[in-house]
C-alpha atoms as a PDB file:
ATOM      1  CA  MET A   1       0.130  -2.125 -43.170  1.00  0.00           C
ATOM      2  CA  SER A   2      -3.244  -3.528 -44.118  1.00  0.00           C
ATOM      3  CA  SER A   3      -5.362  -1.120 -46.166  1.00  0.00           C
ATOM      4  CA  SER A   4      -8.318  -1.926 -43.911  1.00  0.00           C
ATOM      5  CA  ARG A   5      -6.601  -0.438 -40.841  1.00  0.00           C
ATOM      6  CA  ARG A   6      -6.008   3.134 -39.884  1.00  0.00           C
ATOM      7  CA  SER A   7      -2.478   4.437 -40.131  1.00  0.00           C
ATOM      8  CA  VAL A   8      -0.490   4.693 -36.911  1.00  0.00           C
ATOM      9  CA  TYR A   9      -0.208   8.174 -35.425  1.00  0.00           C
ATOM     10  CA  PHE A  10       3.177   9.149 -34.023  1.00  0.00           C
ATOM     11  CA  ASN A  11       3.243  12.103 -31.641  1.00  0.00           C
ATOM     12  CA  ASP A  12       6.064  14.386 -32.786  1.00  0.00           C
ATOM     13  CA  LYS A  13       5.735  16.459 -29.605  1.00  0.00           C
ATOM     14  CA  TRP A  14       6.722  13.652 -27.254  1.00  0.00           C
ATOM     15  CA  GLN A  15       9.098  14.363 -24.392  1.00  0.00           C
ATOM     16  CA  LEU A  16      11.351  12.153 -22.309  1.00  0.00           C
ATOM     17  CA  TRP A  17      10.757  12.420 -18.579  1.00  0.00           C
ATOM     18  CA  ASP A  18      11.538  10.497 -15.407  1.00  0.00           C
ATOM     19  CA  SER A  19       9.256   9.901 -12.462  1.00  0.00           C
ATOM     20  CA  GLU A  20      10.292   9.107  -8.920  1.00  0.00           C
ATOM     21  CA  PRO A  21       9.044   5.725  -7.666  1.00  0.00           C
ATOM     22  CA  ASP A  22       5.658   6.045  -5.967  1.00  0.00           C
ATOM     23  CA  THR A  23       5.920   4.108  -2.716  1.00  0.00           C
ATOM     24  CA  SER A  24       2.240   4.787  -1.983  1.00  0.00           C
ATOM     25  CA  THR A  25       1.408   1.936  -4.331  1.00  0.00           C
ATOM     26  CA  ASP A  26       3.304  -0.608  -2.219  1.00  0.00           C
ATOM     27  CA  GLN A  27       0.413  -0.967   0.211  1.00  0.00           C
ATOM     28  CA  VAL A  28      -2.051  -1.477  -2.640  1.00  0.00           C
ATOM     29  CA  HIS A  29       0.236  -4.041  -4.209  1.00  0.00           C
ATOM     30  CA  ASP A  30       0.554  -5.992  -0.948  1.00  0.00           C
ATOM     31  CA  PHE A  31      -3.214  -5.915  -0.464  1.00  0.00           C
ATOM     32  CA  HIS A  32      -3.962  -7.337  -3.918  1.00  0.00           C
ATOM     33  CA  ARG A  33      -1.310 -10.004  -3.550  1.00  0.00           C
ATOM     34  CA  GLY A  34      -3.115 -11.165  -0.394  1.00  0.00           C
ATOM     35  CA  LEU A  35      -6.440 -11.727  -2.144  1.00  0.00           C
ATOM     36  CA  PRO A  36      -7.582 -15.265  -3.057  1.00  0.00           C
ATOM     37  CA  ASP A  37      -6.317 -16.617  -6.386  1.00  0.00           C
ATOM     38  CA  TYR A  38      -3.854 -13.773  -6.923  1.00  0.00           C
ATOM     39  CA  THR A  39      -1.524 -14.206  -9.885  1.00  0.00           C
ATOM     40  CA  GLN A  40       0.450 -11.756 -11.974  1.00  0.00           C
ATOM     41  CA  THR A  41      -1.328 -10.818 -15.156  1.00  0.00           C
ATOM     42  CA  PRO A  42       0.582 -11.940 -18.232  1.00  0.00           C
ATOM     43  CA  LEU A  43       2.272  -9.618 -20.697  1.00  0.00           C
ATOM     44  CA  VAL A  44       1.687 -10.766 -24.271  1.00  0.00           C
ATOM     45  CA  LYS A  45       4.450  -9.798 -26.676  1.00  0.00           C
ATOM     46  CA  LEU A  46       3.128  -8.488 -29.999  1.00  0.00           C
ATOM     47  CA  ASP A  47       6.106  -8.961 -32.290  1.00  0.00           C
ATOM     48  CA  ASN A  48       4.264  -8.476 -35.570  1.00  0.00           C
ATOM     49  CA  LEU A  49       2.661  -5.238 -34.462  1.00  0.00           C
ATOM     50  CA  ALA A  50       5.964  -3.919 -33.130  1.00  0.00           C
ATOM     51  CA  LYS A  51       7.614  -4.641 -36.455  1.00  0.00           C
ATOM     52  CA  GLU A  52       4.727  -3.026 -38.319  1.00  0.00           C
ATOM     53  CA  VAL A  53       4.975   0.272 -36.448  1.00  0.00           C
ATOM     54  CA  GLY A  54       8.754   0.254 -36.246  1.00  0.00           C
ATOM     55  CA  VAL A  55       9.394  -0.080 -32.509  1.00  0.00           C
ATOM     56  CA  ARG A  56      11.538  -2.506 -30.556  1.00  0.00           C
ATOM     57  CA  ALA A  57       8.722  -4.259 -28.688  1.00  0.00           C
ATOM     58  CA  ILE A  58       5.063  -3.970 -27.766  1.00  0.00           C
ATOM     59  CA  TYR A  59       3.520  -5.786 -24.815  1.00  0.00           C
ATOM     60  CA  LEU A  60      -0.182  -6.145 -24.114  1.00  0.00           C
ATOM     61  CA  LYS A  61      -1.166  -6.468 -20.456  1.00  0.00           C
ATOM     62  CA  ASP A  62      -3.856  -9.138 -20.463  1.00  0.00           C
ATOM     63  CA  GLU A  63      -6.510  -8.405 -17.818  1.00  0.00           C
ATOM     64  CA  GLY A  64      -8.921 -10.992 -19.204  1.00  0.00           C
ATOM     65  CA  SER A  65      -8.853 -13.101 -16.037  1.00  0.00           C
ATOM     66  CA  ARG A  66      -8.114 -10.982 -12.986  1.00  0.00           C
ATOM     67  CA  PHE A  67      -9.026 -13.144  -9.955  1.00  0.00           C
ATOM     68  CA  GLY A  68     -11.137 -15.200 -12.349  1.00  0.00           C
ATOM     69  CA  LEU A  69     -13.128 -12.167 -13.467  1.00  0.00           C
ATOM     70  CA  PRO A  70     -12.949 -10.846 -17.041  1.00  0.00           C
ATOM     71  CA  SER A  71     -11.911  -7.311 -16.098  1.00  0.00           C
ATOM     72  CA  PHE A  72      -9.419  -5.222 -14.130  1.00  0.00           C
ATOM     73  CA  LYS A  73     -12.410  -3.641 -12.323  1.00  0.00           C
ATOM     74  CA  VAL A  74     -11.914  -5.906  -9.312  1.00  0.00           C
ATOM     75  CA  LEU A  75      -8.658  -4.084  -8.548  1.00  0.00           C
ATOM     76  CA  GLY A  76     -10.404  -0.808  -7.765  1.00  0.00           C
ATOM     77  CA  ALA A  77     -13.535  -2.399  -6.332  1.00  0.00           C
ATOM     78  CA  SER A  78     -11.596  -4.554  -3.864  1.00  0.00           C
ATOM     79  CA  TRP A  79      -9.281  -1.756  -2.707  1.00  0.00           C
ATOM     80  CA  GLY A  80     -12.148   0.724  -2.437  1.00  0.00           C
ATOM     81  CA  THR A  81     -14.185  -1.746  -0.389  1.00  0.00           C
ATOM     82  CA  TYR A  82     -11.214  -2.530   1.831  1.00  0.00           C
ATOM     83  CA  ARG A  83     -10.567   1.166   2.484  1.00  0.00           C
ATOM     84  CA  ALA A  84     -14.245   1.836   3.190  1.00  0.00           C
ATOM     85  CA  ILE A  85     -14.586  -1.086   5.625  1.00  0.00           C
ATOM     86  CA  THR A  86     -11.324  -0.433   7.481  1.00  0.00           C
ATOM     87  CA  SER A  87     -12.379   3.205   7.860  1.00  0.00           C
ATOM     88  CA  ARG A  88     -15.825   2.202   9.139  1.00  0.00           C
ATOM     89  CA  LEU A  89     -14.304  -0.195  11.701  1.00  0.00           C
ATOM     90  CA  ASN A  90     -11.308   2.024  12.578  1.00  0.00           C
ATOM     91  CA  LEU A  91      -8.842  -0.651  11.463  1.00  0.00           C
ATOM     92  CA  SER A  92      -5.317  -0.013  10.288  1.00  0.00           C
ATOM     93  CA  LEU A  93      -4.552  -0.339   6.585  1.00  0.00           C
ATOM     94  CA  GLY A  94      -2.064  -3.059   7.431  1.00  0.00           C
ATOM     95  CA  CYS A  95      -4.863  -5.533   8.217  1.00  0.00           C
ATOM     96  CA  ASP A  96      -5.084  -8.472   5.876  1.00  0.00           C
ATOM     97  CA  LEU A  97      -8.359  -9.734   4.466  1.00  0.00           C
ATOM     98  CA  ASN A  98      -8.845 -12.388   7.156  1.00  0.00           C
ATOM     99  CA  ALA A  99      -8.362  -9.827   9.939  1.00  0.00           C
ATOM    100  CA  VAL A 100     -10.946  -7.540   8.351  1.00  0.00           C
ATOM    101  CA  LYS A 101     -13.336 -10.462   7.930  1.00  0.00           C
ATOM    102  CA  LYS A 102     -13.041 -11.375  11.621  1.00  0.00           C
ATOM    103  CA  SER A 103     -13.544  -7.764  12.667  1.00  0.00           C
ATOM    104  CA  LEU A 104     -16.794  -7.647  10.701  1.00  0.00           C
ATOM    105  CA  ILE A 105     -18.386 -10.328  12.893  1.00  0.00           C
ATOM    106  CA  GLY A 106     -21.263  -8.725  14.760  1.00  0.00           C
ATOM    107  CA  HIS A 107     -21.486  -5.743  12.428  1.00  0.00           C
ATOM    108  CA  ASP A 108     -24.506  -5.375  10.177  1.00  0.00           C
ATOM    109  CA  ILE A 109     -22.997  -3.899   7.014  1.00  0.00           C
ATOM    110  CA  THR A 110     -24.294  -4.324   3.482  1.00  0.00           C
ATOM    111  CA  LEU A 111     -22.349  -3.318   0.396  1.00  0.00           C
ATOM    112  CA  HIS A 112     -24.169  -1.463  -2.358  1.00  0.00           C
ATOM    113  CA  ALA A 113     -23.187  -0.547  -5.896  1.00  0.00           C
ATOM    114  CA  ALA A 114     -24.680   0.381  -9.232  1.00  0.00           C
ATOM    115  CA  THR A 115     -23.297  -1.178 -12.369  1.00  0.00           C
ATOM    116  CA  ASP A 116     -23.728  -1.928 -16.015  1.00  0.00           C
ATOM    117  CA  GLY A 117     -21.646  -5.081 -15.647  1.00  0.00           C
ATOM    118  CA  ASN A 118     -18.093  -5.634 -14.432  1.00  0.00           C
ATOM    119  CA  HIS A 119     -17.947  -3.229 -11.491  1.00  0.00           C
ATOM    120  CA  GLY A 120     -20.980  -4.727  -9.790  1.00  0.00           C
ATOM    121  CA  ARG A 121     -19.704  -8.238 -10.201  1.00  0.00           C
ATOM    122  CA  ALA A 122     -16.348  -7.161  -8.746  1.00  0.00           C
ATOM    123  CA  VAL A 123     -17.995  -5.589  -5.682  1.00  0.00           C
ATOM    124  CA  ALA A 124     -20.049  -8.754  -5.262  1.00  0.00           C
ATOM    125  CA  ARG A 125     -16.864 -10.852  -5.356  1.00  0.00           C
ATOM    126  CA  MET A 126     -15.320  -8.707  -2.631  1.00  0.00           C
ATOM    127  CA  ALA A 127     -18.484  -9.065  -0.560  1.00  0.00           C
ATOM    128  CA  HIS A 128     -18.213 -12.837  -0.977  1.00  0.00           C
ATOM    129  CA  TRP A 129     -14.627 -12.802   0.276  1.00  0.00           C
ATOM    130  CA  LEU A 130     -15.703 -10.792   3.327  1.00  0.00           C
ATOM    131  CA  ASP A 131     -18.945 -12.718   3.975  1.00  0.00           C
ATOM    132  CA  LEU A 132     -20.963  -9.522   3.581  1.00  0.00           C
ATOM    133  CA  PRO A 133     -24.418  -9.134   2.039  1.00  0.00           C
ATOM    134  CA  VAL A 134     -24.379  -7.101  -1.164  1.00  0.00           C
ATOM    135  CA  VAL A 135     -27.052  -5.425  -3.261  1.00  0.00           C
ATOM    136  CA  ILE A 136     -26.222  -4.444  -6.826  1.00  0.00           C
ATOM    137  CA  CYS A 137     -28.517  -2.029  -8.648  1.00  0.00           C
ATOM    138  CA  VAL A 138     -28.594  -2.322 -12.432  1.00  0.00           C
ATOM    139  CA  PRO A 139     -30.238  -0.130 -15.059  1.00  0.00           C
ATOM    140  CA  SER A 140     -33.470  -1.076 -16.749  1.00  0.00           C
ATOM    141  CA  GLY A 141     -33.075  -3.381 -19.702  1.00  0.00           C
ATOM    142  CA  MET A 142     -29.840  -5.081 -18.626  1.00  0.00           C
ATOM    143  CA  HIS A 143     -29.466  -8.476 -20.291  1.00  0.00           C
ATOM    144  CA  GLN A 144     -30.364 -11.389 -18.039  1.00  0.00           C
ATOM    145  CA  SER A 145     -27.040 -13.118 -18.708  1.00  0.00           C
ATOM    146  CA  THR A 146     -25.188 -10.159 -17.160  1.00  0.00           C
ATOM    147  CA  ILE A 147     -27.543 -10.147 -14.178  1.00  0.00           C
ATOM    148  CA  SER A 148     -26.994 -13.879 -13.721  1.00  0.00           C
ATOM    149  CA  LEU A 149     -23.216 -13.406 -13.608  1.00  0.00           C
ATOM    150  CA  ILE A 150     -23.569 -10.839 -10.835  1.00  0.00           C
ATOM    151  CA  GLU A 151     -25.973 -13.100  -8.956  1.00  0.00           C
ATOM    152  CA  SER A 152     -23.515 -15.985  -9.294  1.00  0.00           C
ATOM    153  CA  GLU A 153     -21.226 -14.067  -6.918  1.00  0.00           C
ATOM    154  CA  GLY A 154     -23.930 -14.154  -4.232  1.00  0.00           C
ATOM    155  CA  ALA A 155     -25.365 -10.683  -4.823  1.00  0.00           C
ATOM    156  CA  ARG A 156     -28.967  -9.612  -4.700  1.00  0.00           C
ATOM    157  CA  VAL A 157     -29.670  -7.682  -7.885  1.00  0.00           C
ATOM    158  CA  CYS A 158     -32.119  -4.797  -7.828  1.00  0.00           C
ATOM    159  CA  GLN A 159     -33.261  -3.677 -11.284  1.00  0.00           C
ATOM    160  CA  SER A 160     -33.935   0.037 -11.640  1.00  0.00           C
ATOM    161  CA  THR A 161     -36.817   1.384 -13.691  1.00  0.00           C
ATOM    162  CA  GLY A 162     -34.453   3.980 -15.145  1.00  0.00           C
ATOM    163  CA  ASN A 163     -31.036   4.322 -16.750  1.00  0.00           C
ATOM    164  CA  TYR A 164     -27.590   3.879 -15.221  1.00  0.00           C
ATOM    165  CA  ASP A 165     -27.579   7.309 -13.547  1.00  0.00           C
ATOM    166  CA  GLN A 166     -30.884   6.479 -11.886  1.00  0.00           C
ATOM    167  CA  ALA A 167     -29.488   3.140 -10.717  1.00  0.00           C
ATOM    168  CA  VAL A 168     -26.584   4.971  -9.057  1.00  0.00           C
ATOM    169  CA  LEU A 169     -28.960   7.242  -7.145  1.00  0.00           C
ATOM    170  CA  GLU A 170     -31.058   4.255  -6.072  1.00  0.00           C
ATOM    171  CA  ALA A 171     -27.975   2.391  -4.851  1.00  0.00           C
ATOM    172  CA  GLN A 172     -26.898   5.435  -2.861  1.00  0.00           C
ATOM    173  CA  ALA A 173     -30.361   5.820  -1.330  1.00  0.00           C
ATOM    174  CA  ALA A 174     -30.437   2.146  -0.349  1.00  0.00           C
ATOM    175  CA  ALA A 175     -27.003   2.398   1.297  1.00  0.00           C
ATOM    176  CA  ASN A 176     -28.097   5.476   3.237  1.00  0.00           C
ATOM    177  CA  THR A 177     -31.313   3.771   4.348  1.00  0.00           C
ATOM    178  CA  ASP A 178     -29.743   0.636   5.794  1.00  0.00           C
ATOM    179  CA  GLY A 179     -26.473   2.161   6.976  1.00  0.00           C
ATOM    180  CA  GLY A 180     -24.545   0.256   4.331  1.00  0.00           C
ATOM    181  CA  VAL A 181     -21.546   1.234   2.251  1.00  0.00           C
ATOM    182  CA  LEU A 182     -21.779   2.444  -1.333  1.00  0.00           C
ATOM    183  CA  ILE A 183     -18.865   1.264  -3.476  1.00  0.00           C
ATOM    184  CA  GLN A 184     -19.020   3.251  -6.683  1.00  0.00           C
ATOM    185  CA  ASP A 185     -16.286   3.606  -9.296  1.00  0.00           C
ATOM    186  CA  PHE A 186     -16.760   7.307 -10.011  1.00  0.00           C
ATOM    187  CA  ALA A 187     -17.315  10.459  -7.996  1.00  0.00           C
ATOM    188  CA  PHE A 188     -20.543  12.426  -7.963  1.00  0.00           C
ATOM    189  CA  GLY A 189     -21.896  15.126  -5.664  1.00  0.00           C
ATOM    190  CA  ASP A 190     -20.160  14.806  -2.308  1.00  0.00           C
ATOM    191  CA  TYR A 191     -19.342  11.142  -2.923  1.00  0.00           C
ATOM    192  CA  THR A 192     -15.599  11.363  -3.627  1.00  0.00           C
ATOM    193  CA  ASP A 193     -13.521   9.415  -1.090  1.00  0.00           C
ATOM    194  CA  ILE A 194     -14.000   5.838  -2.270  1.00  0.00           C
ATOM    195  CA  PRO A 195     -13.641   6.587  -6.004  1.00  0.00           C
ATOM    196  CA  GLN A 196     -10.481   8.562  -5.289  1.00  0.00           C
ATOM    197  CA  VAL A 197      -8.718   5.765  -3.421  1.00  0.00           C
ATOM    198  CA  SER A 198     -10.018   2.976  -5.648  1.00  0.00           C
ATOM    199  CA  GLN A 199      -9.167   4.596  -8.981  1.00  0.00           C
ATOM    200  CA  ASN A 200      -6.105   6.767  -8.320  1.00  0.00           C
ATOM    201  CA  GLN A 201      -4.088   4.217  -6.381  1.00  0.00           C
ATOM    202  CA  THR A 202      -5.104   1.245  -8.483  1.00  0.00           C
ATOM    203  CA  MET A 203      -4.492   2.967 -11.815  1.00  0.00           C
ATOM    204  CA  LYS A 204      -0.974   3.842 -10.623  1.00  0.00           C
ATOM    205  CA  LYS A 205      -0.369   0.260  -9.601  1.00  0.00           C
ATOM    206  CA  ASN A 206      -1.915  -1.136 -12.748  1.00  0.00           C
ATOM    207  CA  GLY A 207       1.030   0.105 -14.742  1.00  0.00           C
ATOM    208  CA  TYR A 208       2.955  -2.901 -13.423  1.00  0.00           C
ATOM    209  CA  SER A 209       2.589  -6.527 -14.450  1.00  0.00           C
ATOM    210  CA  SER A 210       1.111  -7.567 -11.136  1.00  0.00           C
END
């Protein structure tokens, strides 16, 4: 092992356990497979690293181009948005994206989110797929190149005068004011439903190469 790298830590308290298949992820899987430009993310085999640490094989799940975005964040953002919109319109979770899009005709709904980068761009991409207006609030001092990437998805970017936490509160206030939907990737206060469905279900599913 290279002297410039830290030694590998092996957990001597590991245990072998089995988990029953979680069928609740099937619906999430089907939803993501129905999104535009869906492809399975590649598994990159790291033979040299496996040999170095003394294991049979190591695979790296490459999320560098999920739906053309450089992050897995779109998985949670898309599912969270889908769940929020279907709940708002009293639609079944079996509806595909086109059915949801048609059902939105005549409804004045704006998506809102706060971000320091990837999450906001992912919410903006989902808004684009659904033909919904979207406002993304970013913290003060965000680099213009990051703002431009979010705007390239069709979003209106609102720059906060404060930090990320302040941007979150401003995004929530804006959603409450115009009757929109806040799509945030973490829970705070009484805002728990969307983060729970977008993170818990998607993180379970993200263990697969899909």
